[in-house]
């Protein structure tokens, strides 16, 4: 039960932060990516604030040894930079640049703007397909 409560509170806090900073607006993200046009540096400011906070809480969590719910902290999946990581990063970047959305803001934006539903559905289908493809023994 505690794990679910912590997950819901963390998700609501994350979504509220995205909404408050304006990062659920695809135009804001696309403005940050448009370095040769009407560049909007505000996403950089959000990152500049978020990265140290994440680092601090990651450090505190590692020191504590368990999550707030008492579950053990998972190890990072890999430290290897391989073709899957590079390919996934490229696909993520292309999608982010085309739509101005990534998974967190898209889900948070569902509450504010129903027009993101096709993006969220496509994202979910993509995640399901990746899981199915990874089960094929030849592809690993």
C-alpha atoms as a PDB file:
ATOM      1  CA  UNK A   1       0.000   0.000   0.000  1.00  0.00           C
ATOM      2  CA  UNK A   2       2.773   2.458   0.953  1.00  0.00           C
ATOM      3  CA  UNK A   3       4.477   1.863  -2.391  1.00  0.00           C
ATOM      4  CA  UNK A   4       1.314   2.874  -4.246  1.00  0.00           C
ATOM      5  CA  UNK A   5       0.835   5.982  -2.091  1.00  0.00           C
ATOM      6  CA  UNK A   6       4.438   7.080  -2.669  1.00  0.00           C
ATOM      7  CA  UNK A   7       4.083   6.449  -6.427  1.00  0.00           C
ATOM      8  CA  UNK A   8       0.863   8.481  -6.662  1.00  0.00           C
ATOM      9  CA  UNK A   9       2.264  11.368  -4.612  1.00  0.00           C
ATOM     10  CA  UNK A  10       5.502  11.390  -6.654  1.00  0.00           C
ATOM     11  CA  UNK A  11       3.547  11.293  -9.911  1.00  0.00           C
ATOM     12  CA  UNK A  12       1.247  14.122  -8.832  1.00  0.00           C
ATOM     13  CA  UNK A  13       4.195  16.213  -7.670  1.00  0.00           C
ATOM     14  CA  UNK A  14       6.057  15.590 -10.939  1.00  0.00           C
ATOM     15  CA  UNK A  15       2.965  16.405 -13.025  1.00  0.00           C
ATOM     16  CA  UNK A  16       2.278  19.562 -11.015  1.00  0.00           C
ATOM     17  CA  UNK A  17       5.877  20.677 -11.486  1.00  0.00           C
ATOM     18  CA  UNK A  18       5.650  20.101 -15.231  1.00  0.00           C
ATOM     19  CA  UNK A  19       2.379  22.009 -15.449  1.00  0.00           C
ATOM     20  CA  UNK A  20       3.614  24.871 -13.249  1.00  0.00           C
ATOM     21  CA  UNK A  21       6.812  25.252 -15.304  1.00  0.00           C
ATOM     22  CA  UNK A  22       4.845  25.178 -18.561  1.00  0.00           C
ATOM     23  CA  UNK A  23       6.662  22.092 -19.819  1.00  0.00           C
ATOM     24  CA  UNK A  24       3.418  20.350 -20.733  1.00  0.00           C
ATOM     25  CA  UNK A  25       3.061  22.868 -23.567  1.00  0.00           C
ATOM     26  CA  UNK A  26       4.636  21.365 -26.701  1.00  0.00           C
ATOM     27  CA  UNK A  27       5.269  24.882 -28.068  1.00  0.00           C
ATOM     28  CA  UNK A  28       7.515  25.593 -25.056  1.00  0.00           C
ATOM     29  CA  UNK A  29       9.622  22.492 -25.700  1.00  0.00           C
ATOM     30  CA  UNK A  30       9.772  23.106 -29.447  1.00  0.00           C
ATOM     31  CA  UNK A  31      10.836  26.697 -28.707  1.00  0.00           C
ATOM     32  CA  UNK A  32      13.764  25.346 -26.675  1.00  0.00           C
ATOM     33  CA  UNK A  33      14.772  23.017 -29.510  1.00  0.00           C
ATOM     34  CA  UNK A  34      14.560  25.832 -32.102  1.00  0.00           C
ATOM     35  CA  UNK A  35      18.063  27.220 -31.559  1.00  0.00           C
ATOM     36  CA  UNK A  36      18.141  29.045 -34.903  1.00  0.00           C
ATOM     37  CA  UNK A  37      14.751  30.729 -34.564  1.00  0.00           C
ATOM     38  CA  UNK A  38      12.688  32.001 -31.670  1.00  0.00           C
ATOM     39  CA  UNK A  39      14.712  30.150 -29.035  1.00  0.00           C
ATOM     40  CA  UNK A  40      13.049  29.830 -25.623  1.00  0.00           C
ATOM     41  CA  UNK A  41      15.653  28.944 -22.947  1.00  0.00           C
ATOM     42  CA  UNK A  42      13.082  28.251 -20.195  1.00  0.00           C
ATOM     43  CA  UNK A  43      13.411  24.453 -20.505  1.00  0.00           C
ATOM     44  CA  UNK A  44      17.109  24.882 -19.766  1.00  0.00           C
ATOM     45  CA  UNK A  45      16.158  26.697 -16.563  1.00  0.00           C
ATOM     46  CA  UNK A  46      13.817  23.883 -15.565  1.00  0.00           C
ATOM     47  CA  UNK A  47      16.623  21.367 -16.193  1.00  0.00           C
ATOM     48  CA  UNK A  48      19.111  23.514 -14.275  1.00  0.00           C
ATOM     49  CA  UNK A  49      16.784  23.362 -11.261  1.00  0.00           C
ATOM     50  CA  UNK A  50      15.742  19.717 -11.663  1.00  0.00           C
ATOM     51  CA  UNK A  51      19.145  18.083 -12.133  1.00  0.00           C
ATOM     52  CA  UNK A  52      20.655  19.178  -8.784  1.00  0.00           C
ATOM     53  CA  UNK A  53      17.444  18.225  -6.947  1.00  0.00           C
ATOM     54  CA  UNK A  54      17.437  14.808  -8.609  1.00  0.00           C
ATOM     55  CA  UNK A  55      21.120  14.327  -7.768  1.00  0.00           C
ATOM     56  CA  UNK A  56      20.504  15.282  -4.133  1.00  0.00           C
ATOM     57  CA  UNK A  57      17.575  12.909  -3.671  1.00  0.00           C
ATOM     58  CA  UNK A  58      19.335  10.129  -5.576  1.00  0.00           C
ATOM     59  CA  UNK A  59      22.311  10.538  -3.211  1.00  0.00           C
ATOM     60  CA  UNK A  60      20.062  10.562  -0.128  1.00  0.00           C
ATOM     61  CA  UNK A  61      18.140   7.535  -1.370  1.00  0.00           C
ATOM     62  CA  UNK A  62      21.332   5.575  -2.046  1.00  0.00           C
ATOM     63  CA  UNK A  63      22.632   6.480   1.419  1.00  0.00           C
ATOM     64  CA  UNK A  64      19.376   5.342   2.988  1.00  0.00           C
ATOM     65  CA  UNK A  65      19.525   2.063   1.048  1.00  0.00           C
ATOM     66  CA  UNK A  66      15.785   1.680   0.483  1.00  0.00           C
ATOM     67  CA  UNK A  67      13.029   3.675  -1.170  1.00  0.00           C
ATOM     68  CA  UNK A  68      10.481   5.703   0.815  1.00  0.00           C
ATOM     69  CA  UNK A  69       8.144   2.718   0.577  1.00  0.00           C
ATOM     70  CA  UNK A  70      10.821   0.452   2.087  1.00  0.00           C
ATOM     71  CA  UNK A  71      11.507  -1.413  -1.160  1.00  0.00           C
ATOM     72  CA  UNK A  72      15.116  -2.030  -2.129  1.00  0.00           C
ATOM     73  CA  UNK A  73      16.501   0.418  -4.686  1.00  0.00           C
ATOM     74  CA  UNK A  74      17.078  -1.197  -8.072  1.00  0.00           C
ATOM     75  CA  UNK A  75      20.505  -1.208  -9.642  1.00  0.00           C
ATOM     76  CA  UNK A  76      20.887   0.769 -12.877  1.00  0.00           C
ATOM     77  CA  UNK A  77      20.024  -1.554 -15.771  1.00  0.00           C
ATOM     78  CA  UNK A  78      23.356  -1.032 -17.526  1.00  0.00           C
ATOM     79  CA  UNK A  79      26.324   1.277 -17.783  1.00  0.00           C
ATOM     80  CA  UNK A  80      27.095   0.177 -21.339  1.00  0.00           C
ATOM     81  CA  UNK A  81      26.569   2.555 -24.247  1.00  0.00           C
ATOM     82  CA  UNK A  82      25.417   0.216 -26.985  1.00  0.00           C
ATOM     83  CA  UNK A  83      23.367   0.277 -30.195  1.00  0.00           C
ATOM     84  CA  UNK A  84      20.076  -0.136 -28.302  1.00  0.00           C
ATOM     85  CA  UNK A  85      20.802   2.890 -26.103  1.00  0.00           C
ATOM     86  CA  UNK A  86      21.921   5.031 -29.043  1.00  0.00           C
ATOM     87  CA  UNK A  87      18.997   3.924 -31.228  1.00  0.00           C
ATOM     88  CA  UNK A  88      16.491   4.523 -28.458  1.00  0.00           C
ATOM     89  CA  UNK A  89      17.963   7.954 -27.773  1.00  0.00           C
ATOM     90  CA  UNK A  90      17.685   8.877 -31.444  1.00  0.00           C
ATOM     91  CA  UNK A  91      14.068   7.700 -31.639  1.00  0.00           C
ATOM     92  CA  UNK A  92      13.242   9.561 -28.404  1.00  0.00           C
ATOM     93  CA  UNK A  93      14.896  12.749 -29.699  1.00  0.00           C
ATOM     94  CA  UNK A  94      13.104  12.593 -33.039  1.00  0.00           C
ATOM     95  CA  UNK A  95       9.747  12.083 -31.321  1.00  0.00           C
ATOM     96  CA  UNK A  96      10.463  14.872 -28.845  1.00  0.00           C
ATOM     97  CA  UNK A  97      11.453  17.226 -31.658  1.00  0.00           C
ATOM     98  CA  UNK A  98       8.431  16.381 -33.826  1.00  0.00           C
ATOM     99  CA  UNK A  99       5.772  16.452 -31.122  1.00  0.00           C
ATOM    100  CA  UNK A 100       7.325  18.639 -28.430  1.00  0.00           C
ATOM    101  CA  UNK A 101       6.335  15.993 -25.906  1.00  0.00           C
ATOM    102  CA  UNK A 102       8.027  13.190 -24.026  1.00  0.00           C
ATOM    103  CA  UNK A 103       6.308  10.592 -21.801  1.00  0.00           C
ATOM    104  CA  UNK A 104       6.099  12.510 -18.485  1.00  0.00           C
ATOM    105  CA  UNK A 105       4.717  15.781 -19.857  1.00  0.00           C
ATOM    106  CA  UNK A 106       2.409  13.931 -22.262  1.00  0.00           C
ATOM    107  CA  UNK A 107       0.767  11.993 -19.448  1.00  0.00           C
ATOM    108  CA  UNK A 108       0.565  15.119 -17.269  1.00  0.00           C
ATOM    109  CA  UNK A 109      -0.912  17.020 -20.218  1.00  0.00           C
ATOM    110  CA  UNK A 110      -3.767  14.498 -20.555  1.00  0.00           C
ATOM    111  CA  UNK A 111      -5.479  16.290 -17.663  1.00  0.00           C
ATOM    112  CA  UNK A 112      -5.062  19.686 -19.353  1.00  0.00           C
ATOM    113  CA  UNK A 113      -5.331  19.046 -23.082  1.00  0.00           C
ATOM    114  CA  UNK A 114      -7.043  16.011 -24.586  1.00  0.00           C
ATOM    115  CA  UNK A 115      -5.310  16.637 -27.931  1.00  0.00           C
ATOM    116  CA  UNK A 116      -2.286  14.713 -26.632  1.00  0.00           C
ATOM    117  CA  UNK A 117      -4.288  11.472 -26.411  1.00  0.00           C
ATOM    118  CA  UNK A 118      -3.117  10.194 -29.849  1.00  0.00           C
ATOM    119  CA  UNK A 119       0.504  10.779 -28.803  1.00  0.00           C
ATOM    120  CA  UNK A 120       0.006   8.912 -25.502  1.00  0.00           C
ATOM    121  CA  UNK A 121      -1.759   6.036 -27.281  1.00  0.00           C
ATOM    122  CA  UNK A 122       1.043   5.815 -29.890  1.00  0.00           C
ATOM    123  CA  UNK A 123       3.623   5.926 -27.094  1.00  0.00           C
ATOM    124  CA  UNK A 124       1.880   3.103 -25.214  1.00  0.00           C
ATOM    125  CA  UNK A 125       1.614   1.003 -28.388  1.00  0.00           C
ATOM    126  CA  UNK A 126       5.318   1.580 -29.032  1.00  0.00           C
ATOM    127  CA  UNK A 127       6.195   0.456 -25.500  1.00  0.00           C
ATOM    128  CA  UNK A 128       4.079  -2.671 -25.877  1.00  0.00           C
ATOM    129  CA  UNK A 129       5.700  -3.456 -29.233  1.00  0.00           C
ATOM    130  CA  UNK A 130       9.196  -3.056 -27.807  1.00  0.00           C
ATOM    131  CA  UNK A 131       8.364  -5.469 -24.976  1.00  0.00           C
ATOM    132  CA  UNK A 132       6.961  -7.975 -27.475  1.00  0.00           C
ATOM    133  CA  UNK A 133       9.976  -7.647 -29.803  1.00  0.00           C
ATOM    134  CA  UNK A 134      12.430  -8.086 -26.915  1.00  0.00           C
ATOM    135  CA  UNK A 135      10.828 -11.461 -26.178  1.00  0.00           C
ATOM    136  CA  UNK A 136      11.901 -12.767 -29.590  1.00  0.00           C
ATOM    137  CA  UNK A 137      15.106 -14.746 -28.904  1.00  0.00           C
ATOM    138  CA  UNK A 138      16.908 -13.722 -32.117  1.00  0.00           C
ATOM    139  CA  UNK A 139      16.631  -9.982 -31.427  1.00  0.00           C
ATOM    140  CA  UNK A 140      18.391  -9.881 -28.045  1.00  0.00           C
END
